[in-house]
Amino acid sequence: MMESPANINSSTVSLLLVQSLVVSRFLLISPILWQHYFHCCFILQSQDEEDRISALPTDVLLKILEHLDLCMLVRTSVLSTRWRHLPHQLPCLDINVTCSHSTASRRQIMGPYKSATRLISHACNCTRDLVINRLRLVFYLLVPWLCSIGCAVDDIASSGKTKCLEFVIFPSCDRPSKPQLAEFGQQLMSFSRTYPITFEWLTGLTLNSLAFGDSDIPSLINASHRLERLSFRFCNLVKYSVLKIDAPCSRLHTLEFIGFRCARIELISVPELRRLECHSCLKENPPVRFGYVPQLHDVVLASRAKAWQTPVALGEFMSGIASNLSILCLNFSCQTIWVRPEHPGQRTPIFSNLRDVCFYNIFVECDLNWTLFILEAAPSLQKFHLSRHSCVNGSEDTDEKTNVVWEPSKNFKHSNLKLMVMNGFNGEKKVMDYVRLVMERAVGLKRIELSNKHMCVKCNALEYPRKFLVDDATKHRVNELLTHGFSSAVEIIID
């Protein structure tokens, strides 16, 4: 066990840190260990004892400081004259208001935050050799402080030396009302217009709990020429209309819509887009329409479809994606299956390079054979992950669900699938028959991982199926039933 700081001496501290430094080699040491060290340094300083770590080279000390949060980083500057100027020399800075463990209000927290950003700006202006390669600012959308942040970042960005500039913005209050969401959205847009240099240099932007007008998001993208990653979390369009993104000159390679509310998302032209994640509450099915997205290779889509909504053919609504699609994850949110399995003659070549497929949260009463259509459509598929779950705490779980009836082609065989993973596995006959069907059709299958666990935030996980107890005898019985009649040696792992 680690000694308490009160009982530690200089030799112990130095030995502890130096040993950790040697073992880690690349300074990948727990932040808790570094914080423990700096706590000890304050005690040693009061005892007038020698701190041997301070004798390390500057580049090593800077690597150490990169592992600390803002509060501890500031504390190190008062250790000694050796440490005083080190925080100013860090090439990567992450100033995060959410790291504060204080009970102070958001306005009180933003006061010191403003001082920290101004201090960084002053250091950049005074030290020509100082280069901040990466600057990440996490802050609250409070109008009185936006001016100081904008001015400070303008000064830093204007030097042209910052390669990565990221904002993560939270609203000024918890659980904002609809009028407040719209107000915060307009404050953000006003901030972007007031400080165009700052937003022009942004490479990453994450927005939380804001509402936008129809043209706000396209304007924001067009104003941020260097923007590569854009994430919306629990945002919406004020009129719940269609969000259209037409950015032919944009550098955007990642788009995330988590809990985003609008009628539909249309990606008209985003030529550099490589990854799309959309967990949204949209009115239409399919949730996204693809235009010109030739580089897109990683797609994650989640939708809570209703029984009255018409399922869509996967190849049809994704026809705008080029054939370099390699990762596809679909989350059905324990509701109606919103895709329609296609006949082999109707499939497009967009799935020809698909390597990984995940079908999440298929409601437990649903037949599973329909999922094999993706094996027929994707000859290069290597990993197939499937999960079954019915959320016991979801109010929408009482909605009517439509089962999917579909049978795979009789003579179809898949030679490239190597791994199948199923969460929500139990010993009922239809599930066992499905696994055997996969084993029969995937002739190159090497490994099957079956788990009865399914982590769910809403129902606090593991609610289904609890009655399936996995002991050694059950594992042996399931393994025998699955492999009976098969000559190939498929490794079956049962959790």
Protein backbone atom coordinates (compact mmCIF):
# COMPACT_ATOMS: atom_id res chain seq x y z
CA MET A 1 0.00 0.00 0.00
CA MET A 2 1.08 3.57 -0.62
CA GLU A 3 2.13 5.47 2.47
CA SER A 4 0.10 8.45 3.55
CA PRO A 5 1.69 11.80 2.65
CA ALA A 6 2.06 12.73 6.30
CA ASN A 7 4.42 9.79 6.90
CA ILE A 8 6.54 10.09 3.78
CA ASN A 9 10.04 11.56 3.48
CA SER A 10 12.01 12.92 0.55
CA SER A 11 13.83 9.68 -0.16
CA THR A 12 10.61 7.70 -0.29
CA VAL A 13 8.97 10.21 -2.64
CA SER A 14 11.91 10.32 -5.00
CA LEU A 15 12.33 6.54 -5.03
CA LEU A 16 8.62 6.02 -5.66
CA LEU A 17 8.47 8.39 -8.61
CA VAL A 18 11.77 7.41 -10.18
CA GLN A 19 10.89 3.72 -10.01
CA SER A 20 7.55 4.46 -11.64
CA LEU A 21 9.33 6.53 -14.25
CA VAL A 22 11.68 3.67 -15.11
CA VAL A 23 8.92 1.06 -15.21
CA SER A 24 6.59 3.14 -17.38
CA ARG A 25 9.39 4.37 -19.69
CA PHE A 26 6.91 6.40 -21.68
CA LEU A 27 5.51 8.25 -18.66
CA LEU A 28 2.12 6.54 -18.88
CA ILE A 29 1.70 6.79 -15.12
CA SER A 30 -1.54 7.08 -13.21
CA PRO A 31 -2.59 10.72 -12.66
CA ILE A 32 -3.44 9.72 -9.06
CA LEU A 33 0.22 8.82 -8.52
CA TRP A 34 1.40 12.18 -9.83
CA GLN A 35 -1.13 14.01 -7.65
CA HIS A 36 0.07 12.00 -4.67
CA TYR A 37 3.62 13.06 -5.51
CA PHE A 38 2.78 16.73 -5.72
CA HIS A 39 0.87 16.52 -2.44
CA CYS A 40 4.04 15.11 -0.91
CA CYS A 41 6.11 17.92 -2.44
CA PHE A 42 4.08 20.51 -0.56
CA ILE A 43 4.82 18.69 2.69
CA LEU A 44 8.52 18.35 1.87
CA GLN A 45 8.71 22.02 1.03
CA SER A 46 7.34 22.92 4.44
CA GLN A 47 9.99 20.63 5.97
CA ASP A 48 12.79 22.19 3.89
CA GLU A 49 13.61 18.78 2.41
CA GLU A 50 15.13 18.22 -1.01
CA ASP A 51 12.85 17.34 -3.95
CA ARG A 52 14.89 15.23 -6.36
CA ILE A 53 12.25 15.02 -9.09
CA SER A 54 12.64 18.74 -9.74
CA ALA A 55 16.17 18.01 -10.94
CA LEU A 56 14.82 16.06 -13.92
CA PRO A 57 15.16 17.61 -17.42
CA THR A 58 12.50 20.12 -18.45
CA ASP A 59 11.08 17.95 -21.24
CA VAL A 60 10.52 15.11 -18.76
CA LEU A 61 8.78 17.44 -16.29
CA LEU A 62 6.53 18.75 -19.05
CA LYS A 63 5.53 15.19 -19.87
CA ILE A 64 4.62 14.73 -16.21
CA LEU A 65 2.50 17.88 -16.16
CA GLU A 66 0.51 16.71 -19.19
CA HIS A 67 -1.06 14.05 -16.94
CA LEU A 68 -2.51 16.57 -14.46
CA ASP A 69 -5.84 18.35 -14.39
CA LEU A 70 -6.00 22.15 -14.33
CA CYS A 71 -6.29 22.51 -10.54
CA MET A 72 -3.22 20.39 -9.84
CA LEU A 73 -1.38 22.05 -12.71
CA VAL A 74 -1.85 25.46 -11.10
CA ARG A 75 -0.71 24.13 -7.72
CA THR A 76 2.57 22.89 -9.18
CA SER A 77 3.55 26.43 -10.18
CA VAL A 78 4.00 27.41 -6.52
CA LEU A 79 6.23 24.46 -5.61
CA SER A 80 9.43 26.34 -6.43
CA THR A 81 10.99 28.63 -8.99
CA ARG A 82 11.86 25.46 -10.95
CA TRP A 83 8.16 24.67 -11.46
CA ARG A 84 6.80 28.22 -11.68
CA HIS A 85 7.12 28.67 -15.45
CA LEU A 86 6.65 25.06 -16.54
CA PRO A 87 2.84 25.20 -17.03
CA HIS A 88 3.37 28.04 -19.53
CA GLN A 89 5.59 25.78 -21.66
CA LEU A 90 3.11 22.93 -22.12
CA PRO A 91 2.48 22.22 -25.83
CA CYS A 92 -0.92 20.62 -25.06
CA LEU A 93 -3.41 22.29 -22.75
CA ASP A 94 -6.83 21.06 -21.59
CA ILE A 95 -8.70 23.63 -19.50
CA ASN A 96 -11.90 22.00 -18.31
CA VAL A 97 -14.52 23.57 -16.04
CA THR A 98 -16.09 20.18 -15.37
CA CYS A 99 -12.91 19.04 -13.57
CA SER A 100 -13.72 21.35 -10.69
CA HIS A 101 -14.99 19.49 -7.63
CA SER A 102 -16.11 22.72 -6.05
CA THR A 103 -19.71 23.39 -5.01
CA ALA A 104 -19.43 26.88 -6.48
CA SER A 105 -21.91 28.04 -9.10
CA ARG A 106 -21.08 28.01 -12.79
CA ARG A 107 -20.58 31.78 -12.74
CA GLN A 108 -18.12 31.49 -9.86
CA ILE A 109 -16.21 28.73 -11.65
CA MET A 110 -15.94 30.75 -14.85
CA GLY A 111 -14.14 33.63 -13.07
CA PRO A 112 -10.84 31.74 -12.55
CA TYR A 113 -11.39 30.06 -15.93
CA LYS A 114 -11.32 33.45 -17.64
CA SER A 115 -8.10 34.33 -15.81
CA ALA A 116 -6.48 31.07 -16.92
CA THR A 117 -7.25 31.66 -20.62
CA ARG A 118 -5.99 35.26 -20.42
CA LEU A 119 -2.80 34.06 -18.74
CA ILE A 120 -2.18 31.60 -21.58
CA SER A 121 -2.78 34.33 -24.15
CA HIS A 122 -0.37 36.66 -22.33
CA ALA A 123 2.28 33.91 -22.20
CA CYS A 124 1.94 33.33 -25.95
CA ASN A 125 2.34 37.05 -26.68
CA CYS A 126 5.35 37.43 -24.40
CA THR A 127 7.17 34.23 -25.36
CA ARG A 128 7.76 33.91 -29.08
CA ASP A 129 9.12 30.38 -28.73
CA LEU A 130 6.00 29.13 -26.93
CA VAL A 131 3.96 26.87 -29.23
CA ILE A 132 0.64 25.40 -28.10
CA ASN A 133 0.10 22.50 -30.46
CA ARG A 134 -3.21 21.45 -28.95
CA LEU A 135 -5.64 23.59 -26.96
CA ARG A 136 -8.91 22.15 -25.65
CA LEU A 137 -11.30 24.43 -23.78
CA VAL A 138 -14.35 23.10 -21.94
CA PHE A 139 -16.53 25.93 -20.66
CA TYR A 140 -20.04 27.16 -19.89
CA LEU A 141 -21.93 29.39 -22.29
CA LEU A 142 -22.02 32.49 -20.09
CA VAL A 143 -22.14 35.73 -22.08
CA PRO A 144 -20.06 37.94 -19.73
CA TRP A 145 -17.10 35.53 -20.02
CA LEU A 146 -17.33 34.68 -23.71
CA CYS A 147 -15.62 37.95 -24.62
CA SER A 148 -12.49 37.11 -22.60
CA ILE A 149 -12.35 33.57 -23.99
CA GLY A 150 -12.83 34.80 -27.56
CA CYS A 151 -10.13 37.47 -27.26
CA ALA A 152 -7.65 35.09 -25.63
CA VAL A 153 -8.17 32.36 -28.23
CA ASP A 154 -8.02 34.94 -31.03
CA ASP A 155 -4.53 35.90 -29.83
CA ILE A 156 -3.40 32.28 -29.61
CA ALA A 157 -4.91 31.23 -32.95
CA SER A 158 -3.63 34.28 -34.81
CA SER A 159 -0.07 33.05 -34.38
CA GLY A 160 -0.89 30.19 -36.74
CA LYS A 161 1.05 27.70 -34.59
CA THR A 162 -1.88 25.86 -33.01
CA LYS A 163 -2.60 22.64 -34.89
CA CYS A 164 -5.59 21.49 -32.86
CA LEU A 165 -8.14 23.82 -31.26
CA GLU A 166 -11.23 22.31 -29.66
CA PHE A 167 -14.25 23.75 -27.83
CA VAL A 168 -16.64 21.75 -25.66
CA ILE A 169 -19.51 24.04 -24.65
CA PHE A 170 -22.15 23.43 -21.99
CA PRO A 171 -25.24 25.57 -21.26
CA SER A 172 -25.24 27.96 -18.32
CA CYS A 173 -27.84 25.91 -16.40
CA ASP A 174 -28.98 22.33 -15.91
CA ARG A 175 -32.09 21.07 -17.72
CA PRO A 176 -32.81 24.21 -19.74
CA SER A 177 -36.35 24.85 -20.94
CA LYS A 178 -37.25 25.07 -24.65
CA PRO A 179 -37.01 28.91 -24.67
CA GLN A 180 -33.64 28.68 -22.91
CA LEU A 181 -32.39 26.14 -25.46
CA ALA A 182 -33.21 28.58 -28.26
CA GLU A 183 -31.63 31.48 -26.35
CA PHE A 184 -28.42 29.52 -25.75
CA GLY A 185 -28.29 28.57 -29.42
CA GLN A 186 -28.45 32.21 -30.46
CA GLN A 187 -25.76 33.11 -27.91
CA LEU A 188 -23.50 30.51 -29.50
CA MET A 189 -24.18 31.85 -32.99
CA SER A 190 -23.50 35.42 -31.81
CA PHE A 191 -20.24 34.22 -30.24
CA SER A 192 -19.17 32.66 -33.56
CA ARG A 193 -19.94 35.86 -35.51
CA THR A 194 -18.15 38.10 -32.99
CA TYR A 195 -14.94 36.03 -33.04
CA PRO A 196 -14.62 34.70 -36.60
CA ILE A 197 -10.85 34.09 -36.26
CA THR A 198 -11.43 31.76 -33.31
CA PHE A 199 -14.06 29.72 -35.13
CA GLU A 200 -12.04 29.70 -38.33
CA TRP A 201 -9.24 27.92 -36.46
CA LEU A 202 -11.47 25.43 -34.64
CA THR A 203 -10.72 21.79 -35.46
CA GLY A 204 -13.17 20.26 -32.97
CA LEU A 205 -16.51 21.46 -31.58
CA THR A 206 -18.88 19.71 -29.16
CA LEU A 207 -22.17 21.45 -28.33
CA ASN A 208 -24.48 20.41 -25.51
CA SER A 209 -28.17 21.28 -25.02
CA LEU A 210 -28.68 24.04 -27.60
CA ALA A 211 -31.43 24.74 -30.14
CA PHE A 212 -30.74 26.14 -33.59
CA GLY A 213 -32.54 27.79 -36.45
CA ASP A 214 -32.69 26.05 -39.82
CA SER A 215 -29.65 27.86 -41.22
CA ASP A 216 -27.54 28.09 -38.06
CA ILE A 217 -25.68 24.76 -38.29
CA PRO A 218 -24.79 25.14 -42.00
CA SER A 219 -23.56 28.69 -41.25
CA LEU A 220 -21.47 27.41 -38.35
CA ILE A 221 -19.85 24.74 -40.54
CA ASN A 222 -19.12 27.18 -43.35
CA ALA A 223 -17.56 29.66 -40.91
CA SER A 224 -15.28 27.00 -39.42
CA HIS A 225 -13.08 26.15 -42.39
CA ARG A 226 -10.69 23.93 -40.43
CA LEU A 227 -13.38 22.06 -38.49
CA GLU A 228 -12.77 18.29 -38.58
CA ARG A 229 -15.00 16.97 -35.82
CA LEU A 230 -18.48 18.29 -34.96
CA SER A 231 -20.62 16.76 -32.21
CA PHE A 232 -24.15 17.66 -31.05
CA ARG A 233 -25.43 16.25 -27.77
CA PHE A 234 -29.09 16.71 -26.87
CA CYS A 235 -29.53 19.59 -29.28
CA ASN A 236 -32.40 20.24 -31.70
CA LEU A 237 -33.74 22.44 -34.44
CA VAL A 238 -36.25 24.96 -33.09
CA LYS A 239 -38.90 24.04 -35.66
CA TYR A 240 -38.00 20.32 -35.76
CA SER A 241 -37.47 20.70 -39.49
CA VAL A 242 -35.02 18.95 -41.85
CA LEU A 243 -31.34 19.56 -41.19
CA LYS A 244 -29.50 19.91 -44.49
CA ILE A 245 -25.71 19.91 -44.56
CA ASP A 246 -24.16 21.01 -47.83
CA ALA A 247 -20.46 21.67 -47.22
CA PRO A 248 -18.45 20.74 -50.32
CA CYS A 249 -15.36 22.65 -49.10
CA SER A 250 -15.51 21.45 -45.50
CA ARG A 251 -12.77 19.39 -43.82
CA LEU A 252 -15.31 17.59 -41.61
CA HIS A 253 -14.38 13.96 -41.16
CA THR A 254 -16.52 13.14 -38.09
CA LEU A 255 -20.16 14.05 -37.38
CA GLU A 256 -22.01 13.02 -34.22
CA PHE A 257 -25.69 13.56 -33.42
CA ILE A 258 -26.45 12.23 -29.93
CA GLY A 259 -30.06 12.79 -28.86
CA PHE A 260 -30.51 15.28 -31.72
CA ARG A 261 -34.12 16.21 -32.53
CA CYS A 262 -35.28 17.19 -35.99
CA ALA A 263 -37.39 15.73 -38.78
CA ARG A 264 -34.51 14.25 -40.76
CA ILE A 265 -30.81 14.75 -41.49
CA GLU A 266 -29.71 15.16 -45.11
CA LEU A 267 -26.00 14.98 -45.91
CA ILE A 268 -26.08 16.66 -49.31
CA SER A 269 -22.34 17.05 -49.79
CA VAL A 270 -19.67 16.34 -47.17
CA PRO A 271 -16.79 14.97 -49.27
CA GLU A 272 -14.28 14.43 -46.43
CA LEU A 273 -16.72 12.75 -44.01
CA ARG A 274 -15.35 9.44 -42.74
CA ARG A 275 -17.44 8.71 -39.66
CA LEU A 276 -21.10 9.36 -38.85
CA GLU A 277 -22.80 8.58 -35.54
CA CYS A 278 -26.48 9.36 -35.20
CA HIS A 279 -28.43 8.47 -32.05
CA SER A 280 -31.30 10.80 -32.69
CA CYS A 281 -34.99 11.29 -32.06
CA LEU A 282 -36.08 11.86 -35.64
CA LYS A 283 -39.58 11.87 -37.06
CA GLU A 284 -38.81 10.05 -40.30
CA ASN A 285 -37.46 6.68 -41.31
CA PRO A 286 -34.70 6.39 -42.43
CA PRO A 287 -33.18 8.90 -40.01
CA VAL A 288 -30.43 10.00 -42.43
CA ARG A 289 -30.31 10.52 -46.17
CA PHE A 290 -26.94 10.29 -47.85
CA GLY A 291 -25.84 12.47 -50.73
CA TYR A 292 -22.21 12.91 -51.76
CA VAL A 293 -20.13 11.28 -48.99
CA PRO A 294 -17.48 9.33 -50.93
CA GLN A 295 -15.06 8.85 -47.98
CA LEU A 296 -17.62 7.59 -45.46
CA HIS A 297 -16.54 4.21 -44.06
CA ASP A 298 -17.84 4.12 -40.44
CA VAL A 299 -21.60 4.52 -39.80
CA VAL A 300 -23.47 4.20 -36.48
CA LEU A 301 -27.25 4.70 -36.60
CA ALA A 302 -29.82 4.37 -33.81
CA SER A 303 -33.57 4.88 -34.13
CA ARG A 304 -36.66 4.21 -32.01
CA ALA A 305 -38.94 3.28 -34.88
CA LYS A 306 -42.65 2.63 -34.34
CA ALA A 307 -44.69 -0.20 -35.79
CA TRP A 308 -46.55 2.18 -38.13
CA GLN A 309 -43.31 3.33 -39.78
CA THR A 310 -42.42 1.51 -42.99
CA PRO A 311 -39.08 -0.37 -42.80
CA VAL A 312 -36.52 0.70 -45.38
CA ALA A 313 -34.14 -1.33 -47.51
CA LEU A 314 -30.65 -0.80 -46.13
CA GLY A 315 -28.95 -0.74 -49.51
CA GLU A 316 -31.55 1.67 -50.88
CA PHE A 317 -31.27 4.46 -48.33
CA MET A 318 -27.47 4.08 -48.08
CA SER A 319 -26.98 4.10 -51.84
CA GLY A 320 -25.12 7.44 -51.69
CA ILE A 321 -22.25 5.82 -49.80
CA ALA A 322 -19.32 4.57 -51.85
CA SER A 323 -18.13 0.97 -51.63
CA ASN A 324 -15.48 1.78 -48.99
CA LEU A 325 -18.00 1.33 -46.13
CA SER A 326 -16.20 -0.95 -43.65
CA ILE A 327 -18.01 -0.52 -40.28
CA LEU A 328 -21.78 -0.50 -39.82
CA CYS A 329 -23.60 -0.38 -36.46
CA LEU A 330 -27.40 -0.28 -36.24
CA ASN A 331 -29.18 0.20 -32.90
CA PHE A 332 -32.88 -0.72 -32.86
CA SER A 333 -33.45 0.56 -29.31
CA CYS A 334 -35.56 -2.52 -28.38
CA GLN A 335 -38.25 -1.33 -30.78
CA THR A 336 -39.50 -2.26 -34.25
CA ILE A 337 -36.81 -3.37 -36.71
CA TRP A 338 -36.64 -0.41 -39.06
CA VAL A 339 -34.64 -2.02 -41.87
CA ARG A 340 -36.02 -4.47 -44.42
CA PRO A 341 -33.90 -7.47 -45.47
CA GLU A 342 -33.33 -7.38 -49.20
CA HIS A 343 -33.47 -10.06 -51.84
CA PRO A 344 -29.94 -10.87 -53.14
CA GLY A 345 -30.81 -9.48 -56.57
CA GLN A 346 -31.73 -6.08 -55.10
CA ARG A 347 -28.49 -5.41 -53.22
CA THR A 348 -26.02 -2.71 -54.16
CA PRO A 349 -22.21 -3.05 -54.12
CA ILE A 350 -21.85 -0.63 -51.17
CA PHE A 351 -21.45 -3.57 -48.75
CA SER A 352 -18.71 -5.26 -50.76
CA ASN A 353 -15.93 -4.03 -48.41
CA LEU A 354 -17.89 -4.20 -45.16
CA ARG A 355 -15.71 -5.78 -42.43
CA ASP A 356 -17.54 -5.21 -39.11
CA VAL A 357 -21.32 -5.21 -38.47
CA CYS A 358 -23.14 -4.63 -35.18
CA PHE A 359 -26.91 -5.03 -34.68
CA TYR A 360 -27.73 -3.73 -31.21
CA ASN A 361 -30.85 -3.97 -29.00
CA ILE A 362 -33.03 -6.31 -31.05
CA PHE A 363 -36.14 -6.91 -28.95
CA VAL A 364 -36.04 -10.43 -27.47
CA GLU A 365 -39.27 -11.68 -29.04
CA CYS A 366 -37.98 -10.96 -32.54
CA ASP A 367 -36.82 -13.75 -34.83
CA LEU A 368 -33.11 -13.51 -35.66
CA ASN A 369 -32.81 -15.26 -39.03
CA TRP A 370 -33.36 -11.99 -40.88
CA THR A 371 -29.98 -10.70 -39.68
CA LEU A 372 -28.23 -13.16 -42.01
CA PHE A 373 -29.15 -10.99 -44.98
CA ILE A 374 -26.10 -8.88 -44.12
CA LEU A 375 -23.85 -11.94 -44.52
CA GLU A 376 -25.23 -12.49 -48.00
CA ALA A 377 -24.79 -8.80 -48.84
CA ALA A 378 -21.27 -8.43 -47.39
CA PRO A 379 -18.90 -11.14 -48.71
CA SER A 380 -15.87 -9.57 -46.92
CA LEU A 381 -17.51 -9.48 -43.47
CA GLN A 382 -15.16 -10.69 -40.70
CA LYS A 383 -16.85 -9.67 -37.40
CA PHE A 384 -20.55 -9.87 -36.60
CA HIS A 385 -21.87 -8.55 -33.26
CA LEU A 386 -25.52 -8.95 -32.25
CA SER A 387 -27.35 -8.06 -29.02
CA ARG A 388 -30.86 -8.89 -27.79
CA HIS A 389 -32.58 -6.83 -25.13
CA SER A 390 -35.97 -5.62 -23.97
CA CYS A 391 -35.68 -2.66 -21.64
CA VAL A 392 -37.92 -3.22 -18.62
CA ASN A 393 -37.87 0.45 -17.59
CA GLY A 394 -38.46 2.03 -20.99
CA SER A 395 -41.94 3.54 -21.29
CA GLU A 396 -41.85 3.01 -25.04
CA ASP A 397 -41.33 -0.72 -24.51
CA THR A 398 -45.12 -1.18 -24.36
CA ASP A 399 -45.46 -0.08 -27.99
CA GLU A 400 -46.43 -2.68 -30.53
CA LYS A 401 -43.47 -4.24 -32.32
CA THR A 402 -43.42 -5.95 -35.69
CA ASN A 403 -41.56 -9.23 -36.06
CA VAL A 404 -39.37 -9.80 -39.12
CA VAL A 405 -39.88 -13.02 -41.08
CA TRP A 406 -37.14 -13.83 -43.57
CA GLU A 407 -35.19 -16.90 -44.60
CA PRO A 408 -31.66 -16.94 -46.03
CA SER A 409 -30.91 -18.41 -49.44
CA LYS A 410 -30.74 -22.20 -49.29
CA ASN A 411 -27.29 -22.74 -50.78
CA PHE A 412 -25.62 -19.61 -49.43
CA LYS A 413 -22.18 -19.97 -47.76
CA HIS A 414 -19.93 -17.25 -46.29
CA SER A 415 -16.20 -17.90 -46.23
CA ASN A 416 -14.69 -14.79 -44.55
CA LEU A 417 -16.62 -14.41 -41.27
CA LYS A 418 -14.22 -15.22 -38.42
CA LEU A 419 -15.92 -13.95 -35.25
CA MET A 420 -19.53 -13.84 -34.03
CA VAL A 421 -20.48 -12.17 -30.72
CA MET A 422 -23.95 -12.34 -29.16
CA ASN A 423 -25.08 -10.49 -26.02
CA GLY A 424 -28.42 -11.42 -24.48
CA PHE A 425 -27.89 -15.11 -25.23
CA ASN A 426 -30.03 -17.75 -23.51
CA GLY A 427 -30.72 -21.42 -24.01
CA GLU A 428 -34.10 -21.15 -25.72
CA LYS A 429 -34.52 -23.15 -28.90
CA LYS A 430 -34.85 -20.30 -31.41
CA VAL A 431 -31.60 -18.74 -30.21
CA MET A 432 -29.73 -22.05 -30.31
CA ASP A 433 -31.10 -22.75 -33.80
CA TYR A 434 -29.97 -19.33 -34.95
CA VAL A 435 -26.40 -19.83 -33.72
CA ARG A 436 -26.28 -23.21 -35.45
CA LEU A 437 -27.57 -21.59 -38.64
CA VAL A 438 -24.73 -19.07 -38.53
CA MET A 439 -22.25 -21.90 -37.98
CA GLU A 440 -23.69 -23.77 -40.94
CA ARG A 441 -23.53 -20.82 -43.35
CA ALA A 442 -20.27 -19.22 -42.16
CA VAL A 443 -17.88 -21.99 -43.15
CA GLY A 444 -14.77 -20.01 -42.15
CA LEU A 445 -16.01 -19.17 -38.63
CA LYS A 446 -13.27 -19.51 -35.98
CA ARG A 447 -14.77 -18.17 -32.76
CA ILE A 448 -18.21 -17.58 -31.18
CA GLU A 449 -18.63 -15.51 -28.00
CA LEU A 450 -21.99 -15.86 -26.21
CA SER A 451 -22.97 -13.81 -23.18
CA ASN A 452 -26.22 -13.56 -21.26
CA LYS A 453 -25.23 -10.10 -20.07
CA HIS A 454 -26.45 -6.89 -21.68
CA MET A 455 -25.50 -3.56 -20.15
CA CYS A 456 -28.38 -1.08 -20.20
CA VAL A 457 -28.45 2.35 -18.58
CA LYS A 458 -32.25 2.54 -18.36
CA CYS A 459 -32.87 -0.74 -16.54
CA ASN A 460 -29.52 -0.81 -14.74
CA ALA A 461 -28.30 -3.73 -16.83
CA LEU A 462 -28.55 -7.49 -16.70
CA GLU A 463 -32.36 -7.54 -16.54
CA TYR A 464 -32.64 -10.08 -19.33
CA PRO A 465 -32.32 -13.01 -19.26
CA ARG A 466 -31.49 -13.56 -15.57
CA LYS A 467 -32.97 -17.07 -15.45
CA PHE A 468 -30.20 -18.39 -17.72
CA LEU A 469 -27.52 -19.36 -15.21
CA VAL A 470 -24.13 -20.09 -16.73
CA ASP A 471 -22.34 -22.76 -14.72
CA ASP A 472 -19.81 -25.27 -16.01
CA ALA A 473 -22.46 -27.94 -16.65
CA THR A 474 -24.61 -25.50 -18.65
CA LYS A 475 -21.62 -24.38 -20.71
CA HIS A 476 -20.75 -27.96 -21.54
CA ARG A 477 -24.35 -28.79 -22.51
CA VAL A 478 -24.73 -25.69 -24.71
CA ASN A 479 -21.39 -26.38 -26.39
CA GLU A 480 -22.42 -29.96 -27.19
CA LEU A 481 -25.81 -28.90 -28.59
CA LEU A 482 -24.27 -26.20 -30.80
CA THR A 483 -21.45 -28.31 -32.21
CA HIS A 484 -23.43 -31.54 -32.69
CA GLY A 485 -23.07 -32.67 -36.30
CA PHE A 486 -20.39 -30.12 -37.22
CA SER A 487 -16.93 -31.29 -38.22
CA SER A 488 -15.23 -27.88 -38.11
CA ALA A 489 -13.55 -26.81 -34.85
CA VAL A 490 -15.22 -23.55 -33.86
CA GLU A 491 -14.13 -22.15 -30.48
CA ILE A 492 -17.22 -21.31 -28.42
CA ILE A 493 -16.81 -19.01 -25.40
CA ILE A 494 -19.82 -18.79 -23.05
CA ASP A 495 -19.94 -16.10 -20.34
